[in-house]
């Protein structure tokens, strides 16, 4: 089951790589540009990860205090986890582009 998910994530990364190549060209203009693009995507991924971390800590706080509405945060956490996964797929796609160039 995990292998199937790993393959799905890799395929999402490859689709993002192809989209980026179609929109911005098959290669970064330079290694410096490649670094800048990867860094930008990395920082976005860290931001998404930080948002999730804040939510899970808040959820844990609600659980520890037996808050009646603690479960409402799970929908938000699901959305944040998906955003983080997509952001990390973009990081991987830009690394792939830096190594491979076009599709």
PDB file of N, CA and C in Angstrom:
ATOM      1  N   UNK A   1       0.822  -1.190   0.000  1.00  0.00           N
ATOM      2  CA  UNK A   1       0.000   0.000   0.000  1.00  0.00           C
ATOM      3  C   UNK A   1       0.871   1.260   0.000  1.00  0.00           C
ATOM      4  N   UNK A   2       1.909   1.285   0.824  1.00  0.00           N
ATOM      5  CA  UNK A   2       2.792   2.451   0.868  1.00  0.00           C
ATOM      6  C   UNK A   2       3.524   2.631  -0.457  1.00  0.00           C
ATOM      7  N   UNK A   3       3.863   1.520  -1.106  1.00  0.00           N
ATOM      8  CA  UNK A   3       4.535   1.616  -2.403  1.00  0.00           C
ATOM      9  C   UNK A   3       3.638   2.303  -3.425  1.00  0.00           C
ATOM     10  N   UNK A   4       2.341   1.993  -3.373  1.00  0.00           N
ATOM     11  CA  UNK A   4       1.388   2.628  -4.288  1.00  0.00           C
ATOM     12  C   UNK A   4       1.316   4.139  -4.016  1.00  0.00           C
ATOM     13  N   UNK A   5       1.267   4.522  -2.758  1.00  0.00           N
ATOM     14  CA  UNK A   5       1.250   5.939  -2.402  1.00  0.00           C
ATOM     15  C   UNK A   5       2.549   6.611  -2.838  1.00  0.00           C
ATOM     16  N   UNK A   6       3.676   5.953  -2.611  1.00  0.00           N
ATOM     17  CA  UNK A   6       4.966   6.502  -3.052  1.00  0.00           C
ATOM     18  C   UNK A   6       4.957   6.749  -4.554  1.00  0.00           C
ATOM     19  N   UNK A   7       4.416   5.801  -5.315  1.00  0.00           N
ATOM     20  CA  UNK A   7       4.332   5.956  -6.769  1.00  0.00           C
ATOM     21  C   UNK A   7       3.402   7.102  -7.152  1.00  0.00           C
ATOM     22  N   UNK A   8       2.292   7.242  -6.448  1.00  0.00           N
ATOM     23  CA  UNK A   8       1.367   8.347  -6.715  1.00  0.00           C
ATOM     24  C   UNK A   8       2.041   9.692  -6.475  1.00  0.00           C
ATOM     25  N   UNK A   9       2.809   9.777  -5.399  1.00  0.00           N
ATOM     26  CA  UNK A   9       3.508  11.028  -5.092  1.00  0.00           C
ATOM     27  C   UNK A   9       4.576  11.305  -6.144  1.00  0.00           C
ATOM     28  N   UNK A  10       5.298  10.271  -6.546  1.00  0.00           N
ATOM     29  CA  UNK A  10       6.304  10.451  -7.602  1.00  0.00           C
ATOM     30  C   UNK A  10       5.645  10.909  -8.896  1.00  0.00           C
ATOM     31  N   UNK A  11       4.504  10.336  -9.230  1.00  0.00           N
ATOM     32  CA  UNK A  11       3.796  10.750 -10.437  1.00  0.00           C
ATOM     33  C   UNK A  11       3.316  12.192 -10.338  1.00  0.00           C
ATOM     34  N   UNK A  12       2.883  12.616  -9.159  1.00  0.00           N
ATOM     35  CA  UNK A  12       2.493  14.013  -8.962  1.00  0.00           C
ATOM     36  C   UNK A  12       3.702  14.928  -9.159  1.00  0.00           C
ATOM     37  N   UNK A  13       4.843  14.510  -8.662  1.00  0.00           N
ATOM     38  CA  UNK A  13       6.073  15.277  -8.849  1.00  0.00           C
ATOM     39  C   UNK A  13       6.419  15.379 -10.331  1.00  0.00           C
ATOM     40  N   UNK A  14       6.297  14.272 -11.054  1.00  0.00           N
ATOM     41  CA  UNK A  14       6.614  14.288 -12.483  1.00  0.00           C
ATOM     42  C   UNK A  14       5.645  15.175 -13.266  1.00  0.00           C
ATOM     43  N   UNK A  15       4.362  15.157 -12.882  1.00  0.00           N
ATOM     44  CA  UNK A  15       3.388  16.045 -13.543  1.00  0.00           C
ATOM     45  C   UNK A  15       3.730  17.510 -13.284  1.00  0.00           C
ATOM     46  N   UNK A  16       4.149  17.833 -12.062  1.00  0.00           N
ATOM     47  CA  UNK A  16       4.551  19.205 -11.741  1.00  0.00           C
ATOM     48  C   UNK A  16       5.808  19.582 -12.520  1.00  0.00           C
ATOM     49  N   UNK A  17       6.718  18.655 -12.667  1.00  0.00           N
ATOM     50  CA  UNK A  17       7.929  18.889 -13.456  1.00  0.00           C
ATOM     51  C   UNK A  17       7.556  19.203 -14.901  1.00  0.00           C
ATOM     52  N   UNK A  18       6.675  18.403 -15.480  1.00  0.00           N
ATOM     53  CA  UNK A  18       6.239  18.642 -16.862  1.00  0.00           C
ATOM     54  C   UNK A  18       5.525  19.980 -16.997  1.00  0.00           C
ATOM     55  N   UNK A  19       4.683  20.325 -16.024  1.00  0.00           N
ATOM     56  CA  UNK A  19       3.983  21.606 -16.057  1.00  0.00           C
ATOM     57  C   UNK A  19       4.975  22.756 -16.008  1.00  0.00           C
ATOM     58  N   UNK A  20       5.957  22.650 -15.123  1.00  0.00           N
ATOM     59  CA  UNK A  20       6.967  23.688 -14.998  1.00  0.00           C
ATOM     60  C   UNK A  20       7.775  23.831 -16.284  1.00  0.00           C
ATOM     61  N   UNK A  21       8.130  22.710 -16.890  1.00  0.00           N
ATOM     62  CA  UNK A  21       8.888  22.758 -18.141  1.00  0.00           C
ATOM     63  C   UNK A  21       8.079  23.426 -19.247  1.00  0.00           C
ATOM     64  N   UNK A  22       6.793  23.111 -19.314  1.00  0.00           N
ATOM     65  CA  UNK A  22       5.935  23.710 -20.340  1.00  0.00           C
ATOM     66  C   UNK A  22       5.774  25.212 -20.114  1.00  0.00           C
ATOM     67  N   UNK A  23       5.683  25.616 -18.865  1.00  0.00           N
ATOM     68  CA  UNK A  23       5.435  27.028 -18.544  1.00  0.00           C
ATOM     69  C   UNK A  23       6.706  27.865 -18.521  1.00  0.00           C
ATOM     70  N   UNK A  24       7.806  27.286 -18.029  1.00  0.00           N
ATOM     71  CA  UNK A  24       9.018  28.079 -17.801  1.00  0.00           C
ATOM     72  C   UNK A  24      10.242  27.588 -18.564  1.00  0.00           C
ATOM     73  N   UNK A  25      10.083  26.599 -19.413  1.00  0.00           N
ATOM     74  CA  UNK A  25      11.217  26.052 -20.141  1.00  0.00           C
ATOM     75  C   UNK A  25      11.751  24.795 -19.473  1.00  0.00           C
ATOM     76  N   UNK A  26      12.481  24.023 -20.275  1.00  0.00           N
ATOM     77  CA  UNK A  26      12.929  22.719 -19.796  1.00  0.00           C
ATOM     78  C   UNK A  26      14.048  22.780 -18.775  1.00  0.00           C
ATOM     79  N   UNK A  27      14.763  23.866 -18.750  1.00  0.00           N
ATOM     80  CA  UNK A  27      15.875  23.980 -17.811  1.00  0.00           C
ATOM     81  C   UNK A  27      15.818  25.336 -17.114  1.00  0.00           C
ATOM     82  N   UNK A  28      16.411  25.389 -15.951  1.00  0.00           N
ATOM     83  CA  UNK A  28      16.613  26.685 -15.314  1.00  0.00           C
ATOM     84  C   UNK A  28      17.672  27.417 -16.133  1.00  0.00           C
ATOM     85  N   UNK A  29      17.618  28.738 -16.131  1.00  0.00           N
ATOM     86  CA  UNK A  29      18.569  29.523 -16.925  1.00  0.00           C
ATOM     87  C   UNK A  29      20.001  29.334 -16.444  1.00  0.00           C
ATOM     88  N   UNK A  30      20.155  29.034 -15.156  1.00  0.00           N
ATOM     89  CA  UNK A  30      21.488  28.828 -14.585  1.00  0.00           C
ATOM     90  C   UNK A  30      21.334  28.021 -13.296  1.00  0.00           C
ATOM     91  N   UNK A  31      22.465  27.584 -12.763  1.00  0.00           N
ATOM     92  CA  UNK A  31      22.422  26.901 -11.474  1.00  0.00           C
ATOM     93  C   UNK A  31      21.935  27.852 -10.388  1.00  0.00           C
ATOM     94  N   UNK A  32      22.279  29.130 -10.528  1.00  0.00           N
ATOM     95  CA  UNK A  32      21.816  30.127  -9.556  1.00  0.00           C
ATOM     96  C   UNK A  32      20.290  30.227  -9.577  1.00  0.00           C
ATOM     97  N   UNK A  33      19.708  30.260 -10.776  1.00  0.00           N
ATOM     98  CA  UNK A  33      18.250  30.313 -10.866  1.00  0.00           C
ATOM     99  C   UNK A  33      17.636  29.036 -10.304  1.00  0.00           C
ATOM    100  N   UNK A  34      18.229  27.892 -10.619  1.00  0.00           N
ATOM    101  CA  UNK A  34      17.739  26.627 -10.081  1.00  0.00           C
ATOM    102  C   UNK A  34      17.737  26.635  -8.563  1.00  0.00           C
ATOM    103  N   UNK A  35      18.816  27.140  -7.980  1.00  0.00           N
ATOM    104  CA  UNK A  35      18.897  27.247  -6.527  1.00  0.00           C
ATOM    105  C   UNK A  35      17.789  28.142  -5.989  1.00  0.00           C
ATOM    106  N   UNK A  36      17.600  29.296  -6.626  1.00  0.00           N
ATOM    107  CA  UNK A  36      16.593  30.250  -6.155  1.00  0.00           C
ATOM    108  C   UNK A  36      15.190  29.659  -6.228  1.00  0.00           C
ATOM    109  N   UNK A  37      14.894  28.955  -7.309  1.00  0.00           N
ATOM    110  CA  UNK A  37      13.569  28.345  -7.468  1.00  0.00           C
ATOM    111  C   UNK A  37      13.359  27.255  -6.421  1.00  0.00           C
ATOM    112  N   UNK A  38      14.362  26.401  -6.243  1.00  0.00           N
ATOM    113  CA  UNK A  38      14.256  25.334  -5.246  1.00  0.00           C
ATOM    114  C   UNK A  38      14.113  25.930  -3.841  1.00  0.00           C
ATOM    115  N   UNK A  39      14.888  26.963  -3.534  1.00  0.00           N
ATOM    116  CA  UNK A  39      14.806  27.605  -2.226  1.00  0.00           C
ATOM    117  C   UNK A  39      13.416  28.199  -1.990  1.00  0.00           C
ATOM    118  N   UNK A  40      12.859  28.846  -3.011  1.00  0.00           N
ATOM    119  CA  UNK A  40      11.519  29.428  -2.873  1.00  0.00           C
ATOM    120  C   UNK A  40      10.476  28.349  -2.576  1.00  0.00           C
ATOM    121  N   UNK A  41      10.537  27.252  -3.325  1.00  0.00           N
ATOM    122  CA  UNK A  41       9.586  26.153  -3.084  1.00  0.00           C
ATOM    123  C   UNK A  41       9.815  25.531  -1.708  1.00  0.00           C
ATOM    124  N   UNK A  42      11.056  25.393  -1.313  1.00  0.00           N
ATOM    125  CA  UNK A  42      11.401  24.843   0.004  1.00  0.00           C
ATOM    126  C   UNK A  42      10.818  25.714   1.119  1.00  0.00           C
ATOM    127  N   UNK A  43      10.977  27.019   0.986  1.00  0.00           N
ATOM    128  CA  UNK A  43      10.449  27.926   2.009  1.00  0.00           C
ATOM    129  C   UNK A  43       8.926  27.856   2.079  1.00  0.00           C
ATOM    130  N   UNK A  44       8.265  27.704   0.926  1.00  0.00           N
ATOM    131  CA  UNK A  44       6.808  27.537   0.924  1.00  0.00           C
ATOM    132  C   UNK A  44       6.417  26.228   1.613  1.00  0.00           C
ATOM    133  N   UNK A  45       7.182  25.176   1.367  1.00  0.00           N
ATOM    134  CA  UNK A  45       6.905  23.887   2.012  1.00  0.00           C
ATOM    135  C   UNK A  45       7.087  23.985   3.520  1.00  0.00           C
ATOM    136  N   UNK A  46       8.134  24.668   3.947  1.00  0.00           N
ATOM    137  CA  UNK A  46       8.343  24.858   5.387  1.00  0.00           C
ATOM    138  C   UNK A  46       7.207  25.662   6.011  1.00  0.00           C
ATOM    139  N   UNK A  47       6.698  26.658   5.290  1.00  0.00           N
ATOM    140  CA  UNK A  47       5.572  27.443   5.784  1.00  0.00           C
ATOM    141  C   UNK A  47       4.334  26.589   5.960  1.00  0.00           C
ATOM    142  N   UNK A  48       4.070  25.727   4.980  1.00  0.00           N
ATOM    143  CA  UNK A  48       2.921  24.826   5.076  1.00  0.00           C
ATOM    144  C   UNK A  48       3.103  23.846   6.235  1.00  0.00           C
ATOM    145  N   UNK A  49       4.311  23.379   6.396  1.00  0.00           N
ATOM    146  CA  UNK A  49       4.622  22.455   7.492  1.00  0.00           C
ATOM    147  C   UNK A  49       4.462  23.147   8.842  1.00  0.00           C
ATOM    148  N   UNK A  50       4.881  24.397   8.930  1.00  0.00           N
ATOM    149  CA  UNK A  50       4.761  25.153  10.184  1.00  0.00           C
ATOM    150  C   UNK A  50       3.290  25.388  10.537  1.00  0.00           C
ATOM    151  N   UNK A  51       2.469  25.657   9.530  1.00  0.00           N
ATOM    152  CA  UNK A  51       1.038  25.855   9.778  1.00  0.00           C
ATOM    153  C   UNK A  51       0.422  24.578  10.336  1.00  0.00           C
ATOM    154  N   UNK A  52       0.811  23.433   9.767  1.00  0.00           N
ATOM    155  CA  UNK A  52       0.306  22.157  10.259  1.00  0.00           C
ATOM    156  C   UNK A  52       0.771  21.925  11.701  1.00  0.00           C
ATOM    157  N   UNK A  53       2.022  22.208  11.959  1.00  0.00           N
ATOM    158  CA  UNK A  53       2.565  22.007  13.310  1.00  0.00           C
ATOM    159  C   UNK A  53       1.803  22.845  14.335  1.00  0.00           C
ATOM    160  N   UNK A  54       1.472  24.074  13.985  1.00  0.00           N
ATOM    161  CA  UNK A  54       0.711  24.935  14.884  1.00  0.00           C
ATOM    162  C   UNK A  54      -0.673  24.330  15.158  1.00  0.00           C
ATOM    163  N   UNK A  55      -1.306  23.826  14.110  1.00  0.00           N
ATOM    164  CA  UNK A  55      -2.641  23.246  14.277  1.00  0.00           C
ATOM    165  C   UNK A  55      -2.616  21.974  15.113  1.00  0.00           C
ATOM    166  N   UNK A  56      -1.624  21.124  14.894  1.00  0.00           N
ATOM    167  CA  UNK A  56      -1.595  19.869  15.651  1.00  0.00           C
ATOM    168  C   UNK A  56      -1.295  20.151  17.123  1.00  0.00           C
ATOM    169  N   UNK A  57      -0.475  21.163  17.395  1.00  0.00           N
ATOM    170  CA  UNK A  57      -0.225  21.537  18.789  1.00  0.00           C
ATOM    171  C   UNK A  57      -1.498  22.082  19.433  1.00  0.00           C
ATOM    172  N   UNK A  58      -2.253  22.883  18.682  1.00  0.00           N
ATOM    173  CA  UNK A  58      -3.511  23.413  19.216  1.00  0.00           C
ATOM    174  C   UNK A  58      -4.507  22.281  19.455  1.00  0.00           C
ATOM    175  N   UNK A  59      -4.546  21.324  18.546  1.00  0.00           N
ATOM    176  CA  UNK A  59      -5.451  20.187  18.710  1.00  0.00           C
ATOM    177  C   UNK A  59      -5.080  19.393  19.958  1.00  0.00           C
ATOM    178  N   UNK A  60      -3.775  19.164  20.143  1.00  0.00           N
ATOM    179  CA  UNK A  60      -3.314  18.438  21.328  1.00  0.00           C
ATOM    180  C   UNK A  60      -3.695  19.196  22.596  1.00  0.00           C
ATOM    181  N   UNK A  61      -3.549  20.516  22.564  1.00  0.00           N
ATOM    182  CA  UNK A  61      -3.956  21.315  23.708  1.00  0.00           C
ATOM    183  C   UNK A  61      -5.439  21.148  24.016  1.00  0.00           C
ATOM    184  N   UNK A  62      -6.258  21.125  22.957  1.00  0.00           N
ATOM    185  CA  UNK A  62      -7.695  20.907  23.147  1.00  0.00           C
ATOM    186  C   UNK A  62      -7.981  19.511  23.702  1.00  0.00           C
ATOM    187  N   UNK A  63      -7.260  18.531  23.220  1.00  0.00           N
ATOM    188  CA  UNK A  63      -7.458  17.159  23.705  1.00  0.00           C
ATOM    189  C   UNK A  63      -7.106  17.066  25.194  1.00  0.00           C
ATOM    190  N   UNK A  64      -5.980  17.658  25.561  1.00  0.00           N
ATOM    191  CA  UNK A  64      -5.539  17.589  26.956  1.00  0.00           C
ATOM    192  C   UNK A  64      -6.513  18.271  27.906  1.00  0.00           C
ATOM    193  N   UNK A  65      -7.213  19.288  27.412  1.00  0.00           N
ATOM    194  CA  UNK A  65      -8.162  19.993  28.275  1.00  0.00           C
ATOM    195  C   UNK A  65      -9.584  19.477  28.087  1.00  0.00           C
ATOM    196  N   UNK A  66      -9.706  18.381  27.336  1.00  0.00           N
ATOM    197  CA  UNK A  66     -11.023  17.787  27.069  1.00  0.00           C
ATOM    198  C   UNK A  66     -12.007  18.771  26.457  1.00  0.00           C
ATOM    199  N   UNK A  67     -11.509  19.622  25.552  1.00  0.00           N
ATOM    200  CA  UNK A  67     -12.384  20.575  24.876  1.00  0.00           C
ATOM    201  C   UNK A  67     -13.447  19.814  24.080  1.00  0.00           C
ATOM    202  N   UNK A  68     -14.656  20.283  24.163  1.00  0.00           N
ATOM    203  CA  UNK A  68     -15.778  19.611  23.494  1.00  0.00           C
ATOM    204  C   UNK A  68     -15.635  19.618  21.973  1.00  0.00           C
ATOM    205  N   UNK A  69     -15.070  20.685  21.428  1.00  0.00           N
ATOM    206  CA  UNK A  69     -15.007  20.837  19.972  1.00  0.00           C
ATOM    207  C   UNK A  69     -13.606  20.599  19.401  1.00  0.00           C
ATOM    208  N   UNK A  70     -12.827  19.756  20.048  1.00  0.00           N
ATOM    209  CA  UNK A  70     -11.440  19.529  19.624  1.00  0.00           C
ATOM    210  C   UNK A  70     -11.342  18.973  18.209  1.00  0.00           C
ATOM    211  N   UNK A  71     -12.342  18.249  17.775  1.00  0.00           N
ATOM    212  CA  UNK A  71     -12.248  17.559  16.479  1.00  0.00           C
ATOM    213  C   UNK A  71     -12.382  18.500  15.281  1.00  0.00           C
ATOM    214  N   UNK A  72     -12.865  19.715  15.479  1.00  0.00           N
ATOM    215  CA  UNK A  72     -13.053  20.620  14.349  1.00  0.00           C
ATOM    216  C   UNK A  72     -11.736  20.888  13.628  1.00  0.00           C
ATOM    217  N   UNK A  73     -10.633  20.810  14.345  1.00  0.00           N
ATOM    218  CA  UNK A  73      -9.334  21.119  13.752  1.00  0.00           C
ATOM    219  C   UNK A  73      -8.852  20.046  12.781  1.00  0.00           C
ATOM    220  N   UNK A  74      -9.435  18.862  12.829  1.00  0.00           N
ATOM    221  CA  UNK A  74      -8.972  17.784  11.949  1.00  0.00           C
ATOM    222  C   UNK A  74      -9.183  18.110  10.471  1.00  0.00           C
ATOM    223  N   UNK A  75     -10.272  18.763  10.139  1.00  0.00           N
ATOM    224  CA  UNK A  75     -10.491  19.165   8.742  1.00  0.00           C
ATOM    225  C   UNK A  75      -9.427  20.146   8.286  1.00  0.00           C
ATOM    226  N   UNK A  76      -9.119  21.102   9.158  1.00  0.00           N
ATOM    227  CA  UNK A  76      -8.076  22.080   8.854  1.00  0.00           C
ATOM    228  C   UNK A  76      -6.716  21.392   8.730  1.00  0.00           C
ATOM    229  N   UNK A  77      -6.445  20.450   9.613  1.00  0.00           N
ATOM    230  CA  UNK A  77      -5.172  19.737   9.569  1.00  0.00           C
ATOM    231  C   UNK A  77      -5.052  18.897   8.310  1.00  0.00           C
ATOM    232  N   UNK A  78      -6.159  18.304   7.878  1.00  0.00           N
ATOM    233  CA  UNK A  78      -6.145  17.536   6.626  1.00  0.00           C
ATOM    234  C   UNK A  78      -5.775  18.440   5.462  1.00  0.00           C
ATOM    235  N   UNK A  79      -6.430  19.589   5.373  1.00  0.00           N
ATOM    236  CA  UNK A  79      -6.141  20.533   4.284  1.00  0.00           C
ATOM    237  C   UNK A  79      -4.691  21.010   4.342  1.00  0.00           C
ATOM    238  N   UNK A  80      -4.199  21.295   5.545  1.00  0.00           N
ATOM    239  CA  UNK A  80      -2.820  21.760   5.690  1.00  0.00           C
ATOM    240  C   UNK A  80      -1.815  20.668   5.304  1.00  0.00           C
ATOM    241  N   UNK A  81      -2.112  19.430   5.672  1.00  0.00           N
ATOM    242  CA  UNK A  81      -1.216  18.327   5.314  1.00  0.00           C
ATOM    243  C   UNK A  81      -1.162  18.146   3.799  1.00  0.00           C
ATOM    244  N   UNK A  82      -2.307  18.288   3.145  1.00  0.00           N
ATOM    245  CA  UNK A  82      -2.332  18.174   1.681  1.00  0.00           C
ATOM    246  C   UNK A  82      -1.563  19.318   1.021  1.00  0.00           C
ATOM    247  N   UNK A  83      -1.705  20.529   1.558  1.00  0.00           N
ATOM    248  CA  UNK A  83      -0.934  21.656   1.034  1.00  0.00           C
ATOM    249  C   UNK A  83       0.566  21.428   1.215  1.00  0.00           C
ATOM    250  N   UNK A  84       0.948  20.899   2.369  1.00  0.00           N
ATOM    251  CA  UNK A  84       2.365  20.620   2.619  1.00  0.00           C
ATOM    252  C   UNK A  84       2.879  19.536   1.677  1.00  0.00           C
ATOM    253  N   UNK A  85       2.082  18.492   1.467  1.00  0.00           N
ATOM    254  CA  UNK A  85       2.491  17.418   0.550  1.00  0.00           C
ATOM    255  C   UNK A  85       2.683  17.960  -0.856  1.00  0.00           C
ATOM    256  N   UNK A  86       1.765  18.813  -1.298  1.00  0.00           N
ATOM    257  CA  UNK A  86       1.892  19.412  -2.633  1.00  0.00           C
ATOM    258  C   UNK A  86       3.135  20.298  -2.712  1.00  0.00           C
ATOM    259  N   UNK A  87       3.398  21.046  -1.652  1.00  0.00           N
ATOM    260  CA  UNK A  87       4.577  21.911  -1.638  1.00  0.00           C
ATOM    261  C   UNK A  87       5.860  21.087  -1.722  1.00  0.00           C
ATOM    262  N   UNK A  88       5.922  19.984  -0.987  1.00  0.00           N
ATOM    263  CA  UNK A  88       7.115  19.135  -1.046  1.00  0.00           C
ATOM    264  C   UNK A  88       7.237  18.460  -2.409  1.00  0.00           C
ATOM    265  N   UNK A  89       6.109  18.145  -3.055  1.00  0.00           N
ATOM    266  CA  UNK A  89       6.168  17.596  -4.416  1.00  0.00           C
ATOM    267  C   UNK A  89       6.754  18.629  -5.378  1.00  0.00           C
ATOM    268  N   UNK A  90       6.419  19.913  -5.166  1.00  0.00           N
ATOM    269  CA  UNK A  90       7.003  20.969  -6.011  1.00  0.00           C
ATOM    270  C   UNK A  90       8.502  21.099  -5.755  1.00  0.00           C
ATOM    271  N   UNK A  91       8.933  20.969  -4.507  1.00  0.00           N
ATOM    272  CA  UNK A  91      10.371  20.994  -4.212  1.00  0.00           C
ATOM    273  C   UNK A  91      11.059  19.868  -4.986  1.00  0.00           C
ATOM    274  N   UNK A  92      10.497  18.669  -4.890  1.00  0.00           N
ATOM    275  CA  UNK A  92      11.086  17.526  -5.593  1.00  0.00           C
ATOM    276  C   UNK A  92      11.096  17.758  -7.102  1.00  0.00           C
ATOM    277  N   UNK A  93      10.030  18.341  -7.642  1.00  0.00           N
ATOM    278  CA  UNK A  93       9.959  18.602  -9.083  1.00  0.00           C
ATOM    279  C   UNK A  93      11.042  19.578  -9.529  1.00  0.00           C
ATOM    280  N   UNK A  94      11.289  20.604  -8.722  1.00  0.00           N
ATOM    281  CA  UNK A  94      12.312  21.579  -9.095  1.00  0.00           C
ATOM    282  C   UNK A  94      13.717  20.982  -8.955  1.00  0.00           C
ATOM    283  N   UNK A  95      13.918  20.108  -7.985  1.00  0.00           N
ATOM    284  CA  UNK A  95      15.197  19.398  -7.896  1.00  0.00           C
ATOM    285  C   UNK A  95      15.375  18.500  -9.121  1.00  0.00           C
ATOM    286  N   UNK A  96      14.304  17.802  -9.496  1.00  0.00           N
ATOM    287  CA  UNK A  96      14.335  16.927 -10.663  1.00  0.00           C
ATOM    288  C   UNK A  96      14.650  17.745 -11.919  1.00  0.00           C
ATOM    289  N   UNK A  97      14.033  18.908 -12.038  1.00  0.00           N
ATOM    290  CA  UNK A  97      14.271  19.767 -13.192  1.00  0.00           C
ATOM    291  C   UNK A  97      15.726  20.216 -13.239  1.00  0.00           C
ATOM    292  N   UNK A  98      16.295  20.544 -12.079  1.00  0.00           N
ATOM    293  CA  UNK A  98      17.677  20.978 -12.032  1.00  0.00           C
ATOM    294  C   UNK A  98      18.638  19.873 -12.488  1.00  0.00           C
ATOM    295  N   UNK A  99      18.265  18.629 -12.201  1.00  0.00           N
ATOM    296  CA  UNK A  99      19.121  17.497 -12.574  1.00  0.00           C
ATOM    297  C   UNK A  99      18.845  17.040 -14.014  1.00  0.00           C
ATOM    298  N   UNK A 100      17.582  16.887 -14.360  1.00  0.00           N
ATOM    299  CA  UNK A 100      17.206  16.248 -15.613  1.00  0.00           C
ATOM    300  C   UNK A 100      16.928  17.202 -16.769  1.00  0.00           C
ATOM    301  N   UNK A 101      16.559  18.422 -16.464  1.00  0.00           N
ATOM    302  CA  UNK A 101      16.075  19.291 -17.524  1.00  0.00           C
ATOM    303  C   UNK A 101      14.657  18.913 -17.874  1.00  0.00           C
ATOM    304  N   UNK A 102      14.350  18.884 -19.155  1.00  0.00           N
ATOM    305  CA  UNK A 102      12.973  18.637 -19.610  1.00  0.00           C
ATOM    306  C   UNK A 102      12.509  17.199 -19.438  1.00  0.00           C
ATOM    307  N   UNK A 103      11.210  16.981 -19.745  1.00  0.00           N
ATOM    308  CA  UNK A 103      10.605  15.645 -19.553  1.00  0.00           C
ATOM    309  C   UNK A 103      11.271  14.540 -20.352  1.00  0.00           C
TER     310      UNK A 103
END
